[in-house]
Amino acid sequence: MAAYLDNAGFKTRTIMPGGDVDLLNSSSDSTGFIAARLVLRQSEIDSRLRKRYAVPFALPAPEIVCGWLAAFVTLDAYLKRGVNPQDPTLDLVKADYERAEKQLAEAADSVTGLFDLPLREDAQTSGVTQGGPFGYSEQSPYTWADLQRQAASQEDGNGR
């Protein structure tokens, strides 16, 4: 399985300073941590989207998916590196994580999902289903009343 993001792609999309990303990658106790978390979080994203979308996505993956992946791994990286709970940056990272969670849940929802990602082959060509108008018109402005009367008379069996 090809990763949606490599270390360089993560470094480009994360709000974590590049030096901190390099520190996590070179530290003896966390070597490979970011790569492992990228794979784990990508697997989580794919498993949530598998029922509706063609996952794993062909590379390059949709940018919104890469953004979700970066948001999830950024919080993991900050927690691994260690962060002051009073640091306002942590609030921003958590907000980004929660936004990504919400968007991922919305994308996975087959009823109200509004993200246009590549669907599975046995589905339609787009993740967004286009609806038509919710009304119709008749030639006569009185046709609706006639139809309603006919439906009511069929229900009560009077045939009036």
N, C-alpha and C. Protein backbone atom coordinates (compact mmCIF):
# COMPACT_ATOMS: atom_id res chain seq x y z
N MET A 1 0.85 -1.18 0.00
CA MET A 1 0.00 0.00 0.00
C MET A 1 0.90 1.24 0.00
N ALA A 2 0.69 2.08 -0.97
CA ALA A 2 1.46 3.32 -1.05
C ALA A 2 0.87 4.35 -0.10
N ALA A 3 1.76 5.04 0.59
CA ALA A 3 1.31 6.03 1.57
C ALA A 3 0.87 7.31 0.86
N TYR A 4 -0.20 7.90 1.39
CA TYR A 4 -0.68 9.17 0.84
C TYR A 4 0.33 10.28 1.10
N LEU A 5 0.99 10.21 2.24
CA LEU A 5 1.99 11.21 2.60
C LEU A 5 3.27 10.51 3.01
N ASP A 6 4.39 11.05 2.59
CA ASP A 6 5.67 10.62 3.12
C ASP A 6 6.11 11.69 4.11
N ASN A 7 7.32 11.57 4.62
CA ASN A 7 7.79 12.53 5.61
C ASN A 7 7.81 13.95 5.07
N ALA A 8 8.24 14.11 3.83
CA ALA A 8 8.30 15.46 3.23
C ALA A 8 6.90 16.04 3.04
N GLY A 9 5.96 15.21 2.61
CA GLY A 9 4.58 15.67 2.44
C GLY A 9 3.95 16.04 3.76
N PHE A 10 4.26 15.28 4.80
CA PHE A 10 3.75 15.61 6.13
C PHE A 10 4.34 16.93 6.61
N LYS A 11 5.64 17.09 6.41
CA LYS A 11 6.33 18.31 6.85
C LYS A 11 5.74 19.55 6.17
N THR A 12 5.33 19.39 4.91
CA THR A 12 4.75 20.50 4.16
C THR A 12 3.38 20.88 4.71
N ARG A 13 2.59 19.91 5.15
CA ARG A 13 1.20 20.16 5.53
C ARG A 13 0.97 20.38 7.02
N THR A 14 1.91 20.01 7.85
CA THR A 14 1.71 20.14 9.29
C THR A 14 2.05 21.55 9.78
N ILE A 15 1.44 21.92 10.90
CA ILE A 15 1.80 23.21 11.49
C ILE A 15 2.96 23.05 12.47
N MET A 16 3.37 21.82 12.70
CA MET A 16 4.52 21.56 13.57
C MET A 16 5.79 22.06 12.87
N PRO A 17 6.65 22.75 13.58
CA PRO A 17 7.89 23.23 12.95
C PRO A 17 8.71 22.07 12.37
N GLY A 18 9.32 22.32 11.22
CA GLY A 18 10.09 21.29 10.54
C GLY A 18 11.20 20.71 11.39
N GLY A 19 11.81 21.55 12.22
CA GLY A 19 12.87 21.06 13.11
C GLY A 19 12.36 20.04 14.10
N ASP A 20 11.14 20.22 14.59
CA ASP A 20 10.55 19.25 15.51
C ASP A 20 10.23 17.94 14.81
N VAL A 21 9.80 18.04 13.56
CA VAL A 21 9.54 16.81 12.78
C VAL A 21 10.86 16.06 12.58
N ASP A 22 11.93 16.78 12.22
CA ASP A 22 13.23 16.15 12.04
C ASP A 22 13.74 15.55 13.35
N LEU A 23 13.50 16.25 14.46
CA LEU A 23 13.92 15.75 15.76
C LEU A 23 13.22 14.42 16.08
N LEU A 24 11.92 14.35 15.82
CA LEU A 24 11.20 13.10 16.06
C LEU A 24 11.72 11.98 15.17
N ASN A 25 12.06 12.31 13.94
CA ASN A 25 12.54 11.28 13.02
C ASN A 25 13.95 10.80 13.36
N SER A 26 14.75 11.65 13.99
CA SER A 26 16.15 11.28 14.26
C SER A 26 16.38 10.81 15.69
N SER A 27 15.44 11.04 16.57
CA SER A 27 15.59 10.64 17.96
C SER A 27 15.61 9.11 18.06
N SER A 28 16.49 8.59 18.91
CA SER A 28 16.64 7.13 19.01
C SER A 28 15.38 6.45 19.53
N ASP A 29 14.63 7.11 20.39
CA ASP A 29 13.43 6.47 20.93
C ASP A 29 12.19 6.66 20.07
N SER A 30 12.29 7.46 19.00
CA SER A 30 11.11 7.67 18.15
C SER A 30 11.42 7.55 16.66
N THR A 31 12.49 6.84 16.33
CA THR A 31 12.83 6.65 14.92
C THR A 31 11.68 5.91 14.22
N GLY A 32 11.20 6.47 13.14
CA GLY A 32 10.12 5.85 12.38
C GLY A 32 8.74 6.10 12.94
N PHE A 33 8.65 6.92 14.00
CA PHE A 33 7.35 7.16 14.63
C PHE A 33 6.38 7.82 13.65
N ILE A 34 6.83 8.87 12.98
CA ILE A 34 5.92 9.61 12.08
C ILE A 34 5.50 8.72 10.92
N ALA A 35 6.43 7.98 10.35
CA ALA A 35 6.07 7.08 9.24
C ALA A 35 5.05 6.03 9.71
N ALA A 36 5.25 5.50 10.90
CA ALA A 36 4.32 4.50 11.43
C ALA A 36 2.94 5.10 11.69
N ARG A 37 2.92 6.32 12.23
CA ARG A 37 1.62 6.97 12.50
C ARG A 37 0.91 7.35 11.19
N LEU A 38 1.67 7.74 10.16
CA LEU A 38 1.07 8.03 8.87
C LEU A 38 0.37 6.79 8.31
N VAL A 39 1.01 5.64 8.43
CA VAL A 39 0.41 4.39 7.95
C VAL A 39 -0.81 4.04 8.79
N LEU A 40 -0.70 4.15 10.10
CA LEU A 40 -1.82 3.82 10.99
C LEU A 40 -3.02 4.74 10.74
N ARG A 41 -2.79 6.02 10.69
CA ARG A 41 -3.89 6.97 10.49
C ARG A 41 -4.48 6.85 9.08
N GLN A 42 -3.64 6.55 8.09
CA GLN A 42 -4.16 6.33 6.74
C GLN A 42 -5.08 5.11 6.74
N SER A 43 -4.70 4.10 7.46
CA SER A 43 -5.53 2.90 7.56
C SER A 43 -6.87 3.23 8.22
N GLU A 44 -6.86 4.07 9.24
CA GLU A 44 -8.11 4.48 9.89
C GLU A 44 -9.01 5.25 8.91
N ILE A 45 -8.41 6.16 8.15
CA ILE A 45 -9.18 6.93 7.17
C ILE A 45 -9.78 6.00 6.13
N ASP A 46 -8.95 5.10 5.60
CA ASP A 46 -9.43 4.17 4.57
C ASP A 46 -10.54 3.28 5.09
N SER A 47 -10.41 2.81 6.32
CA SER A 47 -11.44 1.92 6.85
C SER A 47 -12.76 2.64 7.06
N ARG A 48 -12.73 3.91 7.38
CA ARG A 48 -13.97 4.67 7.53
C ARG A 48 -14.62 4.96 6.18
N LEU A 49 -13.81 5.10 5.14
CA LEU A 49 -14.33 5.48 3.83
C LEU A 49 -14.55 4.28 2.90
N ARG A 50 -14.15 3.09 3.31
CA ARG A 50 -14.15 1.92 2.44
C ARG A 50 -15.53 1.54 1.91
N LYS A 51 -16.58 1.73 2.67
CA LYS A 51 -17.91 1.32 2.23
C LYS A 51 -18.41 2.15 1.05
N ARG A 52 -17.89 3.34 0.91
CA ARG A 52 -18.41 4.24 -0.12
C ARG A 52 -17.40 4.60 -1.20
N TYR A 53 -16.14 4.72 -0.82
CA TYR A 53 -15.14 5.24 -1.75
C TYR A 53 -14.12 4.19 -2.16
N ALA A 54 -13.44 4.45 -3.27
CA ALA A 54 -12.41 3.55 -3.80
C ALA A 54 -11.12 3.79 -3.04
N VAL A 55 -10.97 3.12 -1.92
CA VAL A 55 -9.75 3.25 -1.12
C VAL A 55 -8.94 1.96 -1.21
N PRO A 56 -7.65 2.03 -1.17
CA PRO A 56 -6.85 3.24 -1.06
C PRO A 56 -6.94 4.06 -2.34
N PHE A 57 -6.91 5.38 -2.16
CA PHE A 57 -7.01 6.28 -3.29
C PHE A 57 -5.77 6.18 -4.16
N ALA A 58 -5.96 6.37 -5.46
CA ALA A 58 -4.82 6.42 -6.37
C ALA A 58 -3.98 7.66 -6.05
N LEU A 59 -2.69 7.50 -6.20
CA LEU A 59 -1.80 8.63 -5.91
C LEU A 59 -1.74 9.57 -7.10
N PRO A 60 -1.69 10.84 -6.92
CA PRO A 60 -1.75 11.53 -5.63
C PRO A 60 -3.16 11.49 -5.06
N ALA A 61 -3.23 11.23 -3.77
CA ALA A 61 -4.51 11.15 -3.08
C ALA A 61 -5.17 12.53 -3.06
N PRO A 62 -6.50 12.58 -2.93
CA PRO A 62 -7.16 13.88 -2.85
C PRO A 62 -6.56 14.72 -1.72
N GLU A 63 -6.40 15.99 -1.99
CA GLU A 63 -5.72 16.88 -1.03
C GLU A 63 -6.45 16.93 0.31
N ILE A 64 -7.77 16.84 0.31
CA ILE A 64 -8.52 16.89 1.57
C ILE A 64 -8.16 15.68 2.44
N VAL A 65 -7.95 14.53 1.82
CA VAL A 65 -7.57 13.33 2.56
C VAL A 65 -6.17 13.51 3.15
N CYS A 66 -5.27 14.09 2.37
CA CYS A 66 -3.92 14.37 2.88
C CYS A 66 -3.97 15.35 4.05
N GLY A 67 -4.87 16.32 3.97
CA GLY A 67 -5.03 17.28 5.07
C GLY A 67 -5.53 16.61 6.34
N TRP A 68 -6.50 15.70 6.19
CA TRP A 68 -6.98 14.96 7.37
C TRP A 68 -5.86 14.14 7.98
N LEU A 69 -5.10 13.47 7.12
CA LEU A 69 -4.00 12.63 7.60
C LEU A 69 -2.97 13.47 8.34
N ALA A 70 -2.63 14.62 7.79
CA ALA A 70 -1.66 15.50 8.45
C ALA A 70 -2.19 16.01 9.78
N ALA A 71 -3.47 16.34 9.86
CA ALA A 71 -4.05 16.83 11.11
C ALA A 71 -4.01 15.75 12.20
N PHE A 72 -4.32 14.52 11.82
CA PHE A 72 -4.30 13.43 12.80
C PHE A 72 -2.89 13.17 13.31
N VAL A 73 -1.94 13.12 12.39
CA VAL A 73 -0.56 12.78 12.77
C VAL A 73 0.11 13.95 13.48
N THR A 74 -0.30 15.17 13.20
CA THR A 74 0.28 16.33 13.90
C THR A 74 0.01 16.24 15.40
N LEU A 75 -1.21 15.92 15.77
CA LEU A 75 -1.52 15.78 17.20
C LEU A 75 -0.70 14.64 17.80
N ASP A 76 -0.62 13.52 17.09
CA ASP A 76 0.19 12.39 17.58
C ASP A 76 1.65 12.80 17.78
N ALA A 77 2.18 13.56 16.83
CA ALA A 77 3.58 13.98 16.90
C ALA A 77 3.82 14.94 18.07
N TYR A 78 2.89 15.86 18.28
CA TYR A 78 3.03 16.77 19.43
C TYR A 78 2.98 16.00 20.74
N LEU A 79 2.10 15.05 20.83
CA LEU A 79 2.00 14.26 22.07
C LEU A 79 3.25 13.41 22.28
N LYS A 80 3.82 12.88 21.21
CA LYS A 80 5.05 12.09 21.32
C LYS A 80 6.23 12.97 21.72
N ARG A 81 6.32 14.14 21.12
CA ARG A 81 7.42 15.06 21.40
C ARG A 81 7.32 15.61 22.81
N GLY A 82 6.08 15.80 23.26
CA GLY A 82 5.85 16.43 24.55
C GLY A 82 5.47 17.87 24.32
N VAL A 83 4.41 18.30 24.98
CA VAL A 83 3.93 19.66 24.78
C VAL A 83 3.35 20.18 26.09
N ASN A 84 3.53 21.45 26.30
CA ASN A 84 2.97 22.09 27.48
C ASN A 84 1.45 22.19 27.30
N PRO A 85 0.66 21.66 28.22
CA PRO A 85 -0.79 21.71 28.06
C PRO A 85 -1.35 23.13 28.00
N GLN A 86 -0.58 24.12 28.47
CA GLN A 86 -1.02 25.51 28.44
C GLN A 86 -0.65 26.22 27.14
N ASP A 87 0.11 25.53 26.27
CA ASP A 87 0.55 26.12 25.01
C ASP A 87 -0.67 26.33 24.09
N PRO A 88 -0.88 27.57 23.62
CA PRO A 88 -2.03 27.82 22.75
C PRO A 88 -1.95 27.08 21.41
N THR A 89 -0.75 26.70 21.01
CA THR A 89 -0.61 25.93 19.77
C THR A 89 -1.33 24.59 19.89
N LEU A 90 -1.32 24.01 21.07
CA LEU A 90 -2.00 22.73 21.28
C LEU A 90 -3.50 22.86 21.03
N ASP A 91 -4.07 24.00 21.42
CA ASP A 91 -5.49 24.23 21.16
C ASP A 91 -5.78 24.27 19.66
N LEU A 92 -4.87 24.90 18.90
CA LEU A 92 -5.03 24.95 17.45
C LEU A 92 -4.91 23.56 16.82
N VAL A 93 -3.96 22.78 17.32
CA VAL A 93 -3.75 21.43 16.81
C VAL A 93 -4.97 20.56 17.11
N LYS A 94 -5.51 20.69 18.33
CA LYS A 94 -6.71 19.92 18.69
C LYS A 94 -7.91 20.34 17.86
N ALA A 95 -8.05 21.64 17.61
CA ALA A 95 -9.17 22.12 16.80
C ALA A 95 -9.06 21.59 15.37
N ASP A 96 -7.85 21.58 14.83
CA ASP A 96 -7.63 21.04 13.49
C ASP A 96 -7.95 19.55 13.45
N TYR A 97 -7.56 18.83 14.49
CA TYR A 97 -7.85 17.40 14.60
C TYR A 97 -9.36 17.16 14.65
N GLU A 98 -10.06 17.93 15.47
CA GLU A 98 -11.52 17.77 15.59
C GLU A 98 -12.23 18.12 14.29
N ARG A 99 -11.76 19.14 13.59
CA ARG A 99 -12.34 19.51 12.30
C ARG A 99 -12.16 18.37 11.30
N ALA A 100 -10.98 17.78 11.28
CA ALA A 100 -10.71 16.67 10.37
C ALA A 100 -11.58 15.47 10.72
N GLU A 101 -11.76 15.19 12.00
CA GLU A 101 -12.64 14.10 12.44
C GLU A 101 -14.06 14.33 11.96
N LYS A 102 -14.54 15.55 12.12
CA LYS A 102 -15.90 15.88 11.71
C LYS A 102 -16.07 15.75 10.19
N GLN A 103 -15.10 16.23 9.45
CA GLN A 103 -15.17 16.14 7.99
C GLN A 103 -15.09 14.70 7.51
N LEU A 104 -14.26 13.90 8.16
CA LEU A 104 -14.14 12.50 7.79
C LEU A 104 -15.46 11.76 8.06
N ALA A 105 -16.08 12.05 9.19
CA ALA A 105 -17.38 11.44 9.49
C ALA A 105 -18.42 11.86 8.46
N GLU A 106 -18.38 13.12 8.06
CA GLU A 106 -19.33 13.60 7.05
C GLU A 106 -19.09 12.93 5.70
N ALA A 107 -17.83 12.76 5.33
CA ALA A 107 -17.51 12.11 4.06
C ALA A 107 -17.95 10.65 4.07
N ALA A 108 -17.85 10.00 5.20
CA ALA A 108 -18.23 8.59 5.30
C ALA A 108 -19.74 8.40 5.31
N ASP A 109 -20.49 9.46 5.61
CA ASP A 109 -21.95 9.37 5.68
C ASP A 109 -22.51 9.34 4.26
N SER A 110 -23.12 8.23 3.90
CA SER A 110 -23.60 8.08 2.52
C SER A 110 -24.86 8.88 2.24
N VAL A 111 -25.52 9.38 3.27
CA VAL A 111 -26.75 10.13 3.07
C VAL A 111 -26.48 11.61 2.90
N THR A 112 -25.70 12.19 3.82
CA THR A 112 -25.50 13.63 3.80
C THR A 112 -24.07 14.03 3.47
N GLY A 113 -23.20 13.09 3.11
CA GLY A 113 -21.81 13.41 2.81
C GLY A 113 -21.69 14.33 1.61
N LEU A 114 -20.90 15.38 1.77
CA LEU A 114 -20.78 16.37 0.71
C LEU A 114 -19.39 16.41 0.06
N PHE A 115 -18.53 15.47 0.42
CA PHE A 115 -17.19 15.46 -0.16
C PHE A 115 -17.22 14.65 -1.44
N ASP A 116 -16.63 15.18 -2.49
CA ASP A 116 -16.63 14.52 -3.79
C ASP A 116 -15.31 13.78 -3.96
N LEU A 117 -15.28 12.55 -3.47
CA LEU A 117 -14.11 11.70 -3.57
C LEU A 117 -14.42 10.57 -4.55
N PRO A 118 -13.40 9.94 -5.12
CA PRO A 118 -13.65 8.85 -6.07
C PRO A 118 -14.39 7.69 -5.40
N LEU A 119 -15.53 7.30 -5.97
CA LEU A 119 -16.34 6.22 -5.43
C LEU A 119 -15.81 4.86 -5.84
N ARG A 120 -16.30 3.84 -5.17
CA ARG A 120 -15.98 2.48 -5.55
C ARG A 120 -16.52 2.22 -6.95
N GLU A 121 -15.96 1.23 -7.63
CA GLU A 121 -16.37 0.95 -9.00
C GLU A 121 -17.81 0.49 -9.11
N ASP A 122 -18.33 -0.16 -8.07
CA ASP A 122 -19.70 -0.64 -8.13
C ASP A 122 -20.71 0.44 -7.76
N ALA A 123 -20.24 1.66 -7.58
CA ALA A 123 -21.12 2.78 -7.26
C ALA A 123 -21.11 3.77 -8.43
N GLN A 124 -21.63 4.96 -8.17
CA GLN A 124 -21.67 5.98 -9.21
C GLN A 124 -20.28 6.55 -9.44
N THR A 125 -20.17 7.53 -10.31
CA THR A 125 -18.86 8.11 -10.63
C THR A 125 -18.46 9.24 -9.71
N SER A 126 -19.36 9.71 -8.89
CA SER A 126 -19.07 10.84 -8.01
C SER A 126 -19.64 10.55 -6.62
N GLY A 127 -18.99 11.08 -5.61
CA GLY A 127 -19.47 10.91 -4.25
C GLY A 127 -20.65 11.80 -3.92
N VAL A 128 -20.91 12.77 -4.76
CA VAL A 128 -22.02 13.69 -4.53
C VAL A 128 -23.12 13.31 -5.49
N THR A 129 -24.29 13.01 -4.96
CA THR A 129 -25.41 12.69 -5.83
C THR A 129 -26.18 13.97 -6.10
N GLN A 130 -26.43 14.22 -7.36
CA GLN A 130 -27.11 15.43 -7.76
C GLN A 130 -28.60 15.18 -7.77
N GLY A 131 -29.36 15.99 -7.11
CA GLY A 131 -30.81 15.85 -7.08
C GLY A 131 -31.46 16.84 -8.02
N GLY A 132 -32.65 16.51 -8.43
CA GLY A 132 -33.42 17.42 -9.28
C GLY A 132 -34.34 18.27 -8.43
N PRO A 133 -35.21 18.99 -9.05
CA PRO A 133 -36.13 19.82 -8.29
C PRO A 133 -37.11 18.93 -7.50
N PHE A 134 -37.60 19.45 -6.40
CA PHE A 134 -38.52 18.70 -5.56
C PHE A 134 -39.97 19.06 -5.84
N GLY A 135 -40.26 19.56 -6.98
CA GLY A 135 -41.63 19.92 -7.33
C GLY A 135 -41.90 19.56 -8.78
N TYR A 136 -43.14 19.69 -9.17
CA TYR A 136 -43.50 19.46 -10.56
C TYR A 136 -44.67 20.37 -10.88
N SER A 137 -44.99 20.47 -12.14
CA SER A 137 -46.11 21.33 -12.51
C SER A 137 -47.05 20.57 -13.45
N GLU A 138 -48.28 20.95 -13.43
CA GLU A 138 -49.30 20.38 -14.30
C GLU A 138 -49.78 21.49 -15.24
N GLN A 139 -50.49 21.09 -16.29
CA GLN A 139 -51.00 22.10 -17.22
C GLN A 139 -52.08 22.96 -16.58
N SER A 140 -52.87 22.34 -15.75
CA SER A 140 -53.96 23.07 -15.11
C SER A 140 -53.62 23.35 -13.65
N PRO A 141 -53.94 24.53 -13.16
CA PRO A 141 -53.68 24.82 -11.75
C PRO A 141 -54.60 24.04 -10.81
N TYR A 142 -55.60 23.35 -11.34
CA TYR A 142 -56.55 22.62 -10.51
C TYR A 142 -56.28 21.12 -10.50
N THR A 143 -55.28 20.66 -11.25
CA THR A 143 -55.00 19.23 -11.35
C THR A 143 -54.65 18.65 -9.99
N TRP A 144 -53.91 19.38 -9.18
CA TRP A 144 -53.50 18.85 -7.88
C TRP A 144 -54.73 18.51 -7.04
N ALA A 145 -55.75 19.33 -7.11
CA ALA A 145 -56.96 19.07 -6.32
C ALA A 145 -57.68 17.84 -6.84
N ASP A 146 -57.72 17.68 -8.16
CA ASP A 146 -58.35 16.49 -8.74
C ASP A 146 -57.62 15.22 -8.34
N LEU A 147 -56.29 15.26 -8.37
CA LEU A 147 -55.49 14.11 -7.98
C LEU A 147 -55.67 13.77 -6.51
N GLN A 148 -55.74 14.80 -5.70
CA GLN A 148 -55.92 14.58 -4.27
C GLN A 148 -57.30 13.97 -3.99
N ARG A 149 -58.32 14.45 -4.69
CA ARG A 149 -59.67 13.92 -4.52
C ARG A 149 -59.72 12.45 -4.95
N GLN A 150 -59.08 12.13 -6.08
CA GLN A 150 -59.06 10.76 -6.56
C GLN A 150 -58.35 9.84 -5.57
N ALA A 151 -57.23 10.29 -5.04
CA ALA A 151 -56.49 9.48 -4.07
C ALA A 151 -57.31 9.24 -2.81
N ALA A 152 -58.01 10.26 -2.35
CA ALA A 152 -58.83 10.13 -1.15
C ALA A 152 -60.01 9.19 -1.39
N SER A 153 -60.60 9.25 -2.55
CA SER A 153 -61.77 8.40 -2.82
C SER A 153 -61.33 6.94 -2.98
N GLN A 154 -60.13 6.70 -3.44
CA GLN A 154 -59.63 5.32 -3.56
C GLN A 154 -59.32 4.75 -2.19
N GLU A 155 -58.86 5.60 -1.27
CA GLU A 155 -58.52 5.13 0.07
C GLU A 155 -59.76 4.73 0.86
N ASP A 156 -60.86 5.52 0.78
CA ASP A 156 -62.03 5.19 1.57
C ASP A 156 -63.00 4.26 0.86
N GLY A 157 -62.72 3.94 -0.41
CA GLY A 157 -63.51 2.99 -1.16
C GLY A 157 -64.85 3.51 -1.64
N ASN A 158 -65.12 4.79 -1.49
CA ASN A 158 -66.39 5.36 -1.93
C ASN A 158 -66.44 5.59 -3.43
N GLY A 159 -65.29 5.79 -4.05
CA GLY A 159 -65.23 5.99 -5.48
C GLY A 159 -65.88 7.27 -5.93
N ARG A 160 -66.00 8.24 -5.05
CA ARG A 160 -66.62 9.52 -5.46
C ARG A 160 -65.67 10.39 -6.21
